[in-house]
N, C-alpha and C. Protein backbone atom coordinates (compact mmCIF):
# COMPACT_ATOMS: atom_id res chain seq x y z
N MET A 1 18.48 -19.45 15.88
CA MET A 1 18.75 -19.42 14.44
C MET A 1 19.40 -18.08 14.09
N ASP A 2 20.37 -18.09 13.23
CA ASP A 2 21.00 -16.84 12.84
C ASP A 2 20.21 -16.16 11.73
N GLY A 3 20.35 -14.84 11.62
CA GLY A 3 19.62 -14.06 10.64
C GLY A 3 19.90 -14.46 9.21
N GLU A 4 21.11 -14.95 8.95
CA GLU A 4 21.49 -15.37 7.59
C GLU A 4 20.65 -16.56 7.12
N ALA A 5 20.23 -17.38 8.06
CA ALA A 5 19.45 -18.56 7.71
C ALA A 5 18.01 -18.21 7.38
N GLY A 6 17.59 -17.02 7.77
CA GLY A 6 16.19 -16.64 7.61
C GLY A 6 15.43 -16.99 8.87
N GLN A 7 14.56 -16.13 9.26
CA GLN A 7 13.84 -16.33 10.51
C GLN A 7 12.35 -16.57 10.28
N VAL A 8 11.70 -17.11 11.29
CA VAL A 8 10.27 -17.36 11.27
C VAL A 8 9.63 -16.43 12.30
N THR A 9 8.64 -15.65 11.85
CA THR A 9 7.93 -14.72 12.72
C THR A 9 6.45 -15.03 12.67
N VAL A 10 5.82 -15.06 13.83
CA VAL A 10 4.38 -15.26 13.94
C VAL A 10 3.76 -13.95 14.44
N PHE A 11 2.77 -13.45 13.68
CA PHE A 11 1.98 -12.29 14.08
C PHE A 11 0.61 -12.82 14.48
N THR A 12 0.27 -12.73 15.75
CA THR A 12 -0.98 -13.33 16.25
C THR A 12 -1.62 -12.40 17.26
N GLY A 13 -2.72 -12.83 17.85
CA GLY A 13 -3.41 -12.06 18.87
C GLY A 13 -4.80 -11.66 18.43
N ASP A 14 -5.57 -11.09 19.37
CA ASP A 14 -6.95 -10.73 19.07
C ASP A 14 -7.11 -9.31 18.55
N GLY A 15 -6.03 -8.57 18.48
CA GLY A 15 -6.09 -7.19 18.00
C GLY A 15 -5.95 -7.09 16.49
N LYS A 16 -6.35 -5.94 15.98
CA LYS A 16 -6.20 -5.66 14.55
C LYS A 16 -4.74 -5.33 14.26
N GLY A 17 -4.32 -5.55 13.01
CA GLY A 17 -3.00 -5.10 12.59
C GLY A 17 -1.96 -6.18 12.38
N LYS A 18 -2.35 -7.45 12.43
CA LYS A 18 -1.36 -8.51 12.24
C LYS A 18 -0.84 -8.52 10.80
N THR A 19 -1.75 -8.53 9.84
CA THR A 19 -1.33 -8.48 8.44
C THR A 19 -0.63 -7.17 8.14
N THR A 20 -1.16 -6.08 8.66
CA THR A 20 -0.57 -4.76 8.42
C THR A 20 0.85 -4.70 8.96
N SER A 21 1.09 -5.29 10.13
CA SER A 21 2.45 -5.32 10.69
C SER A 21 3.39 -6.13 9.81
N ALA A 22 2.91 -7.28 9.36
CA ALA A 22 3.74 -8.12 8.48
C ALA A 22 4.05 -7.38 7.18
N LEU A 23 3.05 -6.71 6.63
CA LEU A 23 3.27 -5.95 5.40
C LEU A 23 4.22 -4.78 5.63
N GLY A 24 4.10 -4.14 6.79
CA GLY A 24 5.02 -3.05 7.12
C GLY A 24 6.47 -3.51 7.14
N GLU A 25 6.72 -4.64 7.77
CA GLU A 25 8.08 -5.17 7.79
C GLU A 25 8.52 -5.61 6.39
N SER A 26 7.56 -6.08 5.59
CA SER A 26 7.91 -6.51 4.23
C SER A 26 8.39 -5.34 3.38
N LEU A 27 7.93 -4.13 3.69
CA LEU A 27 8.42 -2.95 2.96
C LEU A 27 9.91 -2.75 3.17
N GLN A 28 10.38 -3.08 4.37
CA GLN A 28 11.82 -2.97 4.62
C GLN A 28 12.60 -3.95 3.73
N PHE A 29 12.09 -5.17 3.61
CA PHE A 29 12.73 -6.16 2.73
C PHE A 29 12.74 -5.65 1.29
N TRP A 30 11.57 -5.27 0.82
CA TRP A 30 11.43 -4.81 -0.57
C TRP A 30 12.31 -3.60 -0.83
N GLY A 31 12.36 -2.68 0.14
CA GLY A 31 13.18 -1.47 0.00
C GLY A 31 14.66 -1.77 -0.10
N GLU A 32 15.08 -2.90 0.43
CA GLU A 32 16.47 -3.33 0.35
C GLU A 32 16.74 -4.15 -0.90
N GLY A 33 15.76 -4.21 -1.79
CA GLY A 33 15.94 -4.94 -3.04
C GLY A 33 15.71 -6.44 -2.93
N LYS A 34 15.06 -6.86 -1.88
CA LYS A 34 14.79 -8.28 -1.68
C LYS A 34 13.39 -8.63 -2.18
N LYS A 35 13.23 -9.86 -2.65
CA LYS A 35 11.95 -10.31 -3.20
C LYS A 35 11.00 -10.77 -2.09
N VAL A 36 9.76 -10.28 -2.20
CA VAL A 36 8.72 -10.58 -1.22
C VAL A 36 7.54 -11.24 -1.92
N LEU A 37 7.03 -12.30 -1.31
CA LEU A 37 5.83 -12.98 -1.79
C LEU A 37 4.84 -13.07 -0.64
N VAL A 38 3.61 -12.61 -0.88
CA VAL A 38 2.54 -12.70 0.11
C VAL A 38 1.51 -13.67 -0.44
N LEU A 39 1.26 -14.74 0.31
CA LEU A 39 0.24 -15.72 -0.06
C LEU A 39 -0.92 -15.57 0.92
N GLN A 40 -2.08 -15.21 0.40
CA GLN A 40 -3.23 -14.98 1.26
C GLN A 40 -4.13 -16.20 1.25
N PHE A 41 -4.24 -16.82 2.42
CA PHE A 41 -4.94 -18.09 2.57
C PHE A 41 -6.45 -17.95 2.70
N ILE A 42 -6.94 -16.84 3.18
CA ILE A 42 -8.37 -16.71 3.45
C ILE A 42 -9.01 -15.63 2.58
N LYS A 43 -8.38 -14.50 2.47
CA LYS A 43 -9.02 -13.36 1.81
C LYS A 43 -9.42 -13.74 0.38
N GLY A 44 -10.64 -13.40 0.03
CA GLY A 44 -11.18 -13.75 -1.28
C GLY A 44 -10.88 -12.70 -2.32
N GLN A 45 -11.87 -12.38 -3.12
CA GLN A 45 -11.67 -11.53 -4.28
C GLN A 45 -11.80 -10.03 -4.01
N THR A 46 -12.09 -9.65 -2.77
CA THR A 46 -12.18 -8.23 -2.44
C THR A 46 -10.82 -7.57 -2.70
N VAL A 47 -10.84 -6.37 -3.25
CA VAL A 47 -9.60 -5.65 -3.51
C VAL A 47 -9.29 -4.77 -2.31
N TYR A 48 -8.19 -5.05 -1.65
CA TYR A 48 -7.73 -4.28 -0.51
C TYR A 48 -6.59 -3.37 -0.97
N GLY A 49 -6.30 -2.36 -0.17
CA GLY A 49 -5.26 -1.39 -0.52
C GLY A 49 -3.91 -2.01 -0.79
N GLU A 50 -3.59 -3.10 -0.10
CA GLU A 50 -2.27 -3.71 -0.30
C GLU A 50 -2.10 -4.26 -1.72
N TYR A 51 -3.19 -4.66 -2.36
CA TYR A 51 -3.09 -5.16 -3.74
C TYR A 51 -2.71 -4.03 -4.69
N LEU A 52 -3.30 -2.88 -4.45
CA LEU A 52 -3.01 -1.71 -5.30
C LEU A 52 -1.55 -1.30 -5.14
N ALA A 53 -1.06 -1.34 -3.91
CA ALA A 53 0.35 -1.01 -3.67
C ALA A 53 1.27 -2.05 -4.31
N ALA A 54 0.92 -3.33 -4.18
CA ALA A 54 1.76 -4.40 -4.72
C ALA A 54 1.91 -4.29 -6.23
N GLU A 55 0.84 -3.88 -6.90
CA GLU A 55 0.92 -3.70 -8.36
C GLU A 55 1.98 -2.68 -8.72
N LYS A 56 2.12 -1.64 -7.91
CA LYS A 56 3.11 -0.59 -8.16
C LYS A 56 4.52 -1.03 -7.76
N MET A 57 4.61 -2.02 -6.88
CA MET A 57 5.90 -2.47 -6.38
C MET A 57 6.45 -3.68 -7.14
N ALA A 58 5.67 -4.19 -8.07
CA ALA A 58 6.09 -5.35 -8.86
C ALA A 58 7.33 -5.00 -9.67
N PRO A 59 8.18 -5.95 -10.00
CA PRO A 59 8.01 -7.38 -9.83
C PRO A 59 8.58 -7.93 -8.52
N GLY A 60 9.20 -7.11 -7.70
CA GLY A 60 9.84 -7.62 -6.48
C GLY A 60 8.90 -7.86 -5.33
N PHE A 61 7.65 -7.46 -5.48
CA PHE A 61 6.66 -7.62 -4.41
C PHE A 61 5.40 -8.17 -5.03
N THR A 62 5.01 -9.38 -4.62
CA THR A 62 3.88 -10.07 -5.24
C THR A 62 2.90 -10.53 -4.17
N ILE A 63 1.61 -10.32 -4.43
CA ILE A 63 0.56 -10.87 -3.57
C ILE A 63 -0.29 -11.81 -4.41
N LYS A 64 -0.50 -13.02 -3.87
CA LYS A 64 -1.36 -14.00 -4.54
C LYS A 64 -2.53 -14.34 -3.61
N LYS A 65 -3.73 -14.18 -4.12
CA LYS A 65 -4.94 -14.55 -3.38
C LYS A 65 -5.20 -16.03 -3.63
N LEU A 66 -5.22 -16.81 -2.56
CA LEU A 66 -5.42 -18.24 -2.71
C LEU A 66 -6.69 -18.74 -2.02
N GLY A 67 -7.32 -17.88 -1.25
CA GLY A 67 -8.50 -18.27 -0.50
C GLY A 67 -9.79 -17.91 -1.20
N LEU A 68 -10.89 -18.29 -0.57
CA LEU A 68 -12.22 -18.06 -1.12
C LEU A 68 -12.99 -16.99 -0.36
N GLY A 69 -12.39 -16.41 0.65
CA GLY A 69 -13.08 -15.44 1.47
C GLY A 69 -13.12 -15.92 2.91
N PHE A 70 -13.75 -15.15 3.74
CA PHE A 70 -13.74 -15.44 5.16
C PHE A 70 -14.52 -16.70 5.49
N VAL A 71 -13.87 -17.61 6.18
CA VAL A 71 -14.38 -18.94 6.46
C VAL A 71 -15.52 -18.93 7.47
N ARG A 72 -15.52 -17.96 8.37
CA ARG A 72 -16.55 -17.97 9.41
C ARG A 72 -17.96 -17.90 8.85
N PHE A 73 -18.10 -17.52 7.57
CA PHE A 73 -19.41 -17.45 6.93
C PHE A 73 -19.70 -18.70 6.09
N ALA A 74 -18.80 -19.68 6.13
CA ALA A 74 -18.95 -20.88 5.30
C ALA A 74 -20.11 -21.74 5.80
N THR A 75 -20.76 -22.36 4.85
CA THR A 75 -21.83 -23.31 5.16
C THR A 75 -21.25 -24.72 5.04
N GLU A 76 -22.04 -25.72 5.40
CA GLU A 76 -21.57 -27.10 5.24
C GLU A 76 -21.24 -27.39 3.78
N GLU A 77 -21.99 -26.78 2.88
CA GLU A 77 -21.75 -26.98 1.44
C GLU A 77 -20.43 -26.37 1.00
N THR A 78 -20.14 -25.16 1.50
CA THR A 78 -18.95 -24.45 1.01
C THR A 78 -17.68 -24.78 1.77
N ILE A 79 -17.77 -25.38 2.95
CA ILE A 79 -16.56 -25.65 3.73
C ILE A 79 -15.62 -26.59 2.98
N LYS A 80 -16.16 -27.51 2.22
CA LYS A 80 -15.31 -28.42 1.43
C LYS A 80 -14.49 -27.64 0.41
N LYS A 81 -15.09 -26.61 -0.18
CA LYS A 81 -14.36 -25.77 -1.13
C LYS A 81 -13.26 -24.98 -0.44
N HIS A 82 -13.54 -24.53 0.78
CA HIS A 82 -12.52 -23.82 1.56
C HIS A 82 -11.36 -24.75 1.90
N ILE A 83 -11.67 -25.98 2.27
CA ILE A 83 -10.62 -26.96 2.58
C ILE A 83 -9.77 -27.23 1.34
N GLU A 84 -10.42 -27.40 0.21
CA GLU A 84 -9.69 -27.64 -1.05
C GLU A 84 -8.79 -26.45 -1.39
N ALA A 85 -9.31 -25.23 -1.23
CA ALA A 85 -8.50 -24.03 -1.51
C ALA A 85 -7.31 -23.96 -0.56
N ALA A 86 -7.51 -24.31 0.71
CA ALA A 86 -6.42 -24.30 1.68
C ALA A 86 -5.35 -25.33 1.32
N ARG A 87 -5.77 -26.49 0.87
CA ARG A 87 -4.82 -27.54 0.44
C ARG A 87 -3.98 -27.06 -0.75
N GLU A 88 -4.63 -26.42 -1.70
CA GLU A 88 -3.91 -25.88 -2.86
C GLU A 88 -2.95 -24.78 -2.42
N ALA A 89 -3.40 -23.94 -1.50
CA ALA A 89 -2.54 -22.87 -0.98
C ALA A 89 -1.31 -23.45 -0.28
N MET A 90 -1.49 -24.56 0.43
CA MET A 90 -0.37 -25.20 1.10
C MET A 90 0.67 -25.69 0.09
N LYS A 91 0.22 -26.19 -1.05
CA LYS A 91 1.15 -26.64 -2.09
C LYS A 91 1.95 -25.46 -2.64
N VAL A 92 1.25 -24.36 -2.92
CA VAL A 92 1.93 -23.16 -3.42
C VAL A 92 2.92 -22.65 -2.38
N ALA A 93 2.49 -22.64 -1.12
CA ALA A 93 3.37 -22.18 -0.04
C ALA A 93 4.61 -23.05 0.07
N ARG A 94 4.42 -24.36 0.06
CA ARG A 94 5.56 -25.28 0.18
C ARG A 94 6.58 -25.04 -0.95
N ASP A 95 6.09 -24.96 -2.17
CA ASP A 95 6.99 -24.72 -3.31
C ASP A 95 7.71 -23.38 -3.19
N SER A 96 6.98 -22.34 -2.78
CA SER A 96 7.56 -20.99 -2.69
C SER A 96 8.59 -20.89 -1.57
N ILE A 97 8.29 -21.49 -0.43
CA ILE A 97 9.18 -21.43 0.72
C ILE A 97 10.46 -22.23 0.48
N ALA A 98 10.32 -23.36 -0.16
CA ALA A 98 11.46 -24.25 -0.39
C ALA A 98 12.33 -23.78 -1.55
N SER A 99 11.79 -22.94 -2.44
CA SER A 99 12.49 -22.57 -3.67
C SER A 99 13.73 -21.71 -3.45
N GLY A 100 13.74 -20.91 -2.40
CA GLY A 100 14.84 -19.97 -2.20
C GLY A 100 14.75 -18.75 -3.10
N GLU A 101 13.68 -18.65 -3.87
CA GLU A 101 13.50 -17.52 -4.79
C GLU A 101 13.17 -16.22 -4.07
N TYR A 102 12.54 -16.33 -2.90
CA TYR A 102 12.09 -15.16 -2.16
C TYR A 102 12.87 -15.02 -0.85
N GLN A 103 13.18 -13.79 -0.49
CA GLN A 103 13.84 -13.56 0.79
C GLN A 103 12.81 -13.45 1.92
N LEU A 104 11.55 -13.20 1.54
CA LEU A 104 10.47 -13.16 2.53
C LEU A 104 9.21 -13.74 1.91
N VAL A 105 8.60 -14.67 2.62
CA VAL A 105 7.30 -15.21 2.24
C VAL A 105 6.36 -14.98 3.43
N ILE A 106 5.23 -14.34 3.15
CA ILE A 106 4.22 -14.11 4.18
C ILE A 106 3.06 -15.05 3.90
N LEU A 107 2.71 -15.84 4.90
CA LEU A 107 1.55 -16.74 4.81
C LEU A 107 0.43 -16.07 5.59
N ASP A 108 -0.28 -15.20 4.89
CA ASP A 108 -1.29 -14.35 5.50
C ASP A 108 -2.55 -15.14 5.83
N GLU A 109 -2.96 -15.08 7.08
CA GLU A 109 -4.17 -15.74 7.59
C GLU A 109 -4.05 -17.27 7.66
N ILE A 110 -2.84 -17.79 7.56
CA ILE A 110 -2.68 -19.25 7.64
C ILE A 110 -3.12 -19.79 9.00
N LEU A 111 -2.94 -18.98 10.04
CA LEU A 111 -3.33 -19.44 11.38
C LEU A 111 -4.84 -19.58 11.52
N TYR A 112 -5.60 -18.78 10.76
CA TYR A 112 -7.06 -18.95 10.73
C TYR A 112 -7.42 -20.30 10.09
N CYS A 113 -6.63 -20.73 9.13
CA CYS A 113 -6.90 -22.03 8.51
C CYS A 113 -6.82 -23.15 9.53
N ILE A 114 -5.89 -23.04 10.47
CA ILE A 114 -5.80 -24.03 11.54
C ILE A 114 -7.02 -23.89 12.44
N LYS A 115 -7.32 -22.66 12.85
CA LYS A 115 -8.43 -22.40 13.77
C LYS A 115 -9.75 -22.95 13.23
N PHE A 116 -9.99 -22.80 11.92
CA PHE A 116 -11.25 -23.22 11.33
C PHE A 116 -11.22 -24.65 10.78
N GLY A 117 -10.11 -25.37 11.03
CA GLY A 117 -10.04 -26.78 10.67
C GLY A 117 -9.80 -27.07 9.19
N LEU A 118 -9.30 -26.09 8.46
CA LEU A 118 -9.02 -26.30 7.04
C LEU A 118 -7.72 -27.06 6.84
N ILE A 119 -6.77 -26.84 7.73
CA ILE A 119 -5.48 -27.54 7.74
C ILE A 119 -5.14 -27.84 9.19
N GLN A 120 -4.14 -28.68 9.39
CA GLN A 120 -3.73 -29.07 10.74
C GLN A 120 -2.47 -28.32 11.17
N GLU A 121 -2.33 -28.13 12.47
CA GLU A 121 -1.14 -27.50 13.02
C GLU A 121 0.13 -28.21 12.54
N SER A 122 0.11 -29.53 12.53
CA SER A 122 1.29 -30.31 12.12
C SER A 122 1.69 -30.01 10.68
N GLU A 123 0.72 -29.71 9.83
CA GLU A 123 1.03 -29.38 8.43
C GLU A 123 1.78 -28.06 8.34
N VAL A 124 1.41 -27.11 9.19
CA VAL A 124 2.09 -25.82 9.19
C VAL A 124 3.50 -25.97 9.74
N ILE A 125 3.65 -26.78 10.76
CA ILE A 125 4.99 -27.04 11.31
C ILE A 125 5.87 -27.71 10.25
N ASP A 126 5.32 -28.66 9.52
CA ASP A 126 6.07 -29.31 8.43
C ASP A 126 6.45 -28.30 7.35
N LEU A 127 5.57 -27.35 7.10
CA LEU A 127 5.84 -26.31 6.11
C LEU A 127 7.02 -25.44 6.53
N ILE A 128 7.05 -25.09 7.80
CA ILE A 128 8.16 -24.29 8.33
C ILE A 128 9.49 -25.02 8.14
N LYS A 129 9.47 -26.33 8.29
CA LYS A 129 10.69 -27.12 8.20
C LYS A 129 11.30 -27.17 6.81
N VAL A 130 10.52 -26.90 5.76
CA VAL A 130 11.06 -26.95 4.39
C VAL A 130 11.60 -25.60 3.92
N LYS A 131 11.57 -24.61 4.79
CA LYS A 131 12.02 -23.27 4.45
C LYS A 131 13.48 -23.29 3.99
N ALA A 132 13.72 -22.69 2.83
CA ALA A 132 15.09 -22.62 2.30
C ALA A 132 15.93 -21.67 3.17
N ARG A 133 17.20 -21.98 3.27
CA ARG A 133 18.12 -21.10 4.00
C ARG A 133 18.08 -19.72 3.35
N GLY A 134 18.01 -18.69 4.17
CA GLY A 134 17.97 -17.32 3.66
C GLY A 134 16.56 -16.80 3.42
N THR A 135 15.57 -17.67 3.54
CA THR A 135 14.18 -17.25 3.39
C THR A 135 13.60 -16.94 4.76
N ASN A 136 13.02 -15.76 4.88
CA ASN A 136 12.30 -15.39 6.09
C ASN A 136 10.84 -15.72 5.88
N LEU A 137 10.19 -16.13 6.94
CA LEU A 137 8.81 -16.59 6.84
C LEU A 137 7.98 -15.89 7.91
N PHE A 138 6.88 -15.25 7.49
CA PHE A 138 5.93 -14.63 8.40
C PHE A 138 4.62 -15.39 8.31
N LEU A 139 4.02 -15.68 9.46
CA LEU A 139 2.71 -16.32 9.53
C LEU A 139 1.79 -15.38 10.30
N THR A 140 0.57 -15.16 9.78
CA THR A 140 -0.35 -14.26 10.46
C THR A 140 -1.67 -14.95 10.77
N GLY A 141 -2.38 -14.39 11.75
CA GLY A 141 -3.72 -14.85 12.11
C GLY A 141 -3.88 -14.99 13.61
N ARG A 142 -5.12 -15.06 14.03
CA ARG A 142 -5.42 -15.22 15.46
C ARG A 142 -5.12 -16.64 15.94
N ASP A 143 -4.96 -16.74 17.24
CA ASP A 143 -4.89 -18.04 17.92
C ASP A 143 -3.79 -18.96 17.42
N ALA A 144 -2.58 -18.43 17.32
CA ALA A 144 -1.44 -19.28 16.93
C ALA A 144 -1.30 -20.41 17.95
N PRO A 145 -1.29 -21.66 17.48
CA PRO A 145 -1.15 -22.78 18.41
C PRO A 145 0.27 -22.85 18.98
N PRO A 146 0.40 -23.44 20.16
CA PRO A 146 1.71 -23.50 20.84
C PRO A 146 2.83 -24.10 19.99
N GLY A 147 2.54 -25.15 19.22
CA GLY A 147 3.58 -25.78 18.41
C GLY A 147 4.14 -24.86 17.34
N VAL A 148 3.28 -24.04 16.75
CA VAL A 148 3.72 -23.07 15.74
C VAL A 148 4.56 -21.99 16.42
N LYS A 149 4.11 -21.52 17.57
CA LYS A 149 4.88 -20.51 18.31
C LYS A 149 6.26 -21.05 18.67
N ASP A 150 6.33 -22.32 19.06
CA ASP A 150 7.60 -22.92 19.42
C ASP A 150 8.58 -22.96 18.25
N CYS A 151 8.08 -23.08 17.04
CA CYS A 151 8.93 -23.13 15.84
C CYS A 151 9.43 -21.75 15.43
N ALA A 152 8.84 -20.71 15.96
CA ALA A 152 9.15 -19.34 15.55
C ALA A 152 10.37 -18.79 16.27
N ASP A 153 11.04 -17.87 15.60
CA ASP A 153 12.12 -17.12 16.22
C ASP A 153 11.56 -15.90 16.96
N ARG A 154 10.46 -15.36 16.42
CA ARG A 154 9.78 -14.20 17.01
C ARG A 154 8.29 -14.48 17.02
N VAL A 155 7.62 -14.07 18.07
CA VAL A 155 6.17 -14.10 18.14
C VAL A 155 5.73 -12.71 18.58
N ILE A 156 4.93 -12.08 17.74
CA ILE A 156 4.43 -10.73 18.02
C ILE A 156 2.92 -10.83 18.20
N GLU A 157 2.45 -10.33 19.33
CA GLU A 157 1.03 -10.44 19.63
C GLU A 157 0.35 -9.07 19.58
N ALA A 158 -0.70 -8.97 18.77
CA ALA A 158 -1.51 -7.77 18.69
C ALA A 158 -2.63 -7.90 19.72
N ILE A 159 -2.73 -6.92 20.59
CA ILE A 159 -3.73 -6.95 21.65
C ILE A 159 -4.78 -5.87 21.37
N ASN A 160 -6.03 -6.25 21.45
CA ASN A 160 -7.12 -5.31 21.21
C ASN A 160 -7.39 -4.53 22.50
N VAL A 161 -6.93 -3.30 22.55
CA VAL A 161 -7.16 -2.43 23.70
C VAL A 161 -8.39 -1.57 23.45
N LYS A 162 -8.46 -1.00 22.24
CA LYS A 162 -9.58 -0.13 21.89
C LYS A 162 -9.66 -0.07 20.37
N HIS A 163 -10.88 -0.13 19.84
CA HIS A 163 -11.05 -0.07 18.38
C HIS A 163 -12.39 0.58 18.07
N PRO A 164 -12.44 1.44 17.05
CA PRO A 164 -13.69 2.13 16.69
C PRO A 164 -14.85 1.19 16.35
N ILE A 165 -14.56 0.01 15.84
CA ILE A 165 -15.63 -0.93 15.48
C ILE A 165 -16.47 -1.27 16.71
N ALA A 166 -15.84 -1.34 17.88
CA ALA A 166 -16.57 -1.63 19.11
C ALA A 166 -17.57 -0.52 19.46
N GLN A 167 -17.36 0.65 18.88
CA GLN A 167 -18.27 1.79 19.11
C GLN A 167 -19.25 1.96 17.95
N GLY A 168 -19.29 0.95 17.06
CA GLY A 168 -20.23 1.00 15.95
C GLY A 168 -19.75 1.77 14.73
N ILE A 169 -18.48 2.15 14.71
CA ILE A 169 -17.93 2.88 13.58
C ILE A 169 -17.45 1.87 12.54
N LYS A 170 -17.89 2.03 11.29
CA LYS A 170 -17.55 1.10 10.24
C LYS A 170 -16.06 1.12 9.92
N ALA A 171 -15.57 -0.01 9.38
CA ALA A 171 -14.18 -0.11 8.95
C ALA A 171 -13.88 0.94 7.91
N GLN A 172 -12.71 1.53 7.99
CA GLN A 172 -12.32 2.63 7.11
C GLN A 172 -11.36 2.13 6.02
N LYS A 173 -11.69 2.45 4.78
CA LYS A 173 -10.83 2.10 3.66
C LYS A 173 -9.46 2.75 3.84
N GLY A 174 -8.42 1.95 3.67
CA GLY A 174 -7.07 2.46 3.85
C GLY A 174 -6.54 2.26 5.26
N ILE A 175 -7.43 1.97 6.21
CA ILE A 175 -7.00 1.68 7.59
C ILE A 175 -7.21 0.20 7.88
N GLU A 176 -8.46 -0.24 7.86
CA GLU A 176 -8.75 -1.66 8.14
C GLU A 176 -8.66 -2.55 6.89
N PHE A 177 -8.80 -1.95 5.73
CA PHE A 177 -8.72 -2.74 4.49
C PHE A 177 -8.22 -1.89 3.36
C-alpha cells in the first residue's frame, strides 16, 4: 500500500509502551497539522497524562474514552457491559475511520478486546477494510492475532526485557500512566 492511501500499523507484544509508541508517532501527525483521533476501547475513567496533553492540543488532537476499564477484573455480571461498550466503540470507530475526517485514528487497546472475547478478530479485519483513503490507522494491544497482522502494513512488537514493576516498584505517574 502506498503512503498516500494511509497505512495500518499494529503495536503489539508483551512489553510496555504500545500505546505510548502510538501516541509518540501521533505527535508527528499533529505537528504537521493533521487531525488525530484516539479511541480508547478499554481504559475507563482514570485520568492519564495523555488526556491532559490532548486537552492542550485540541482541536486537532482528540481522545475519546469508550471503555469501562480493564476487562481482566470483570465479573460475569459486568462482562456483558464490557461487551456492550466494545460494540458501541466499534460503531464509533467504523464511522471515524470511514469518514476521512482524520488523517490518523488510533484504536487503543482494541487488540485486548479480541483477547478477552468482547469482539471478534473478523470484526476488526472488517473495520480495517472500511478505512478511508488517506487515513492512517494504528491498533494497539497484546496478542495481535495473525489475521490482523496480515492486514497491517507495519507490525511493531514491544518486548518486555526488564521493567521496574517486576522488582516491586509501583507504576510511575507520567511514565506508565
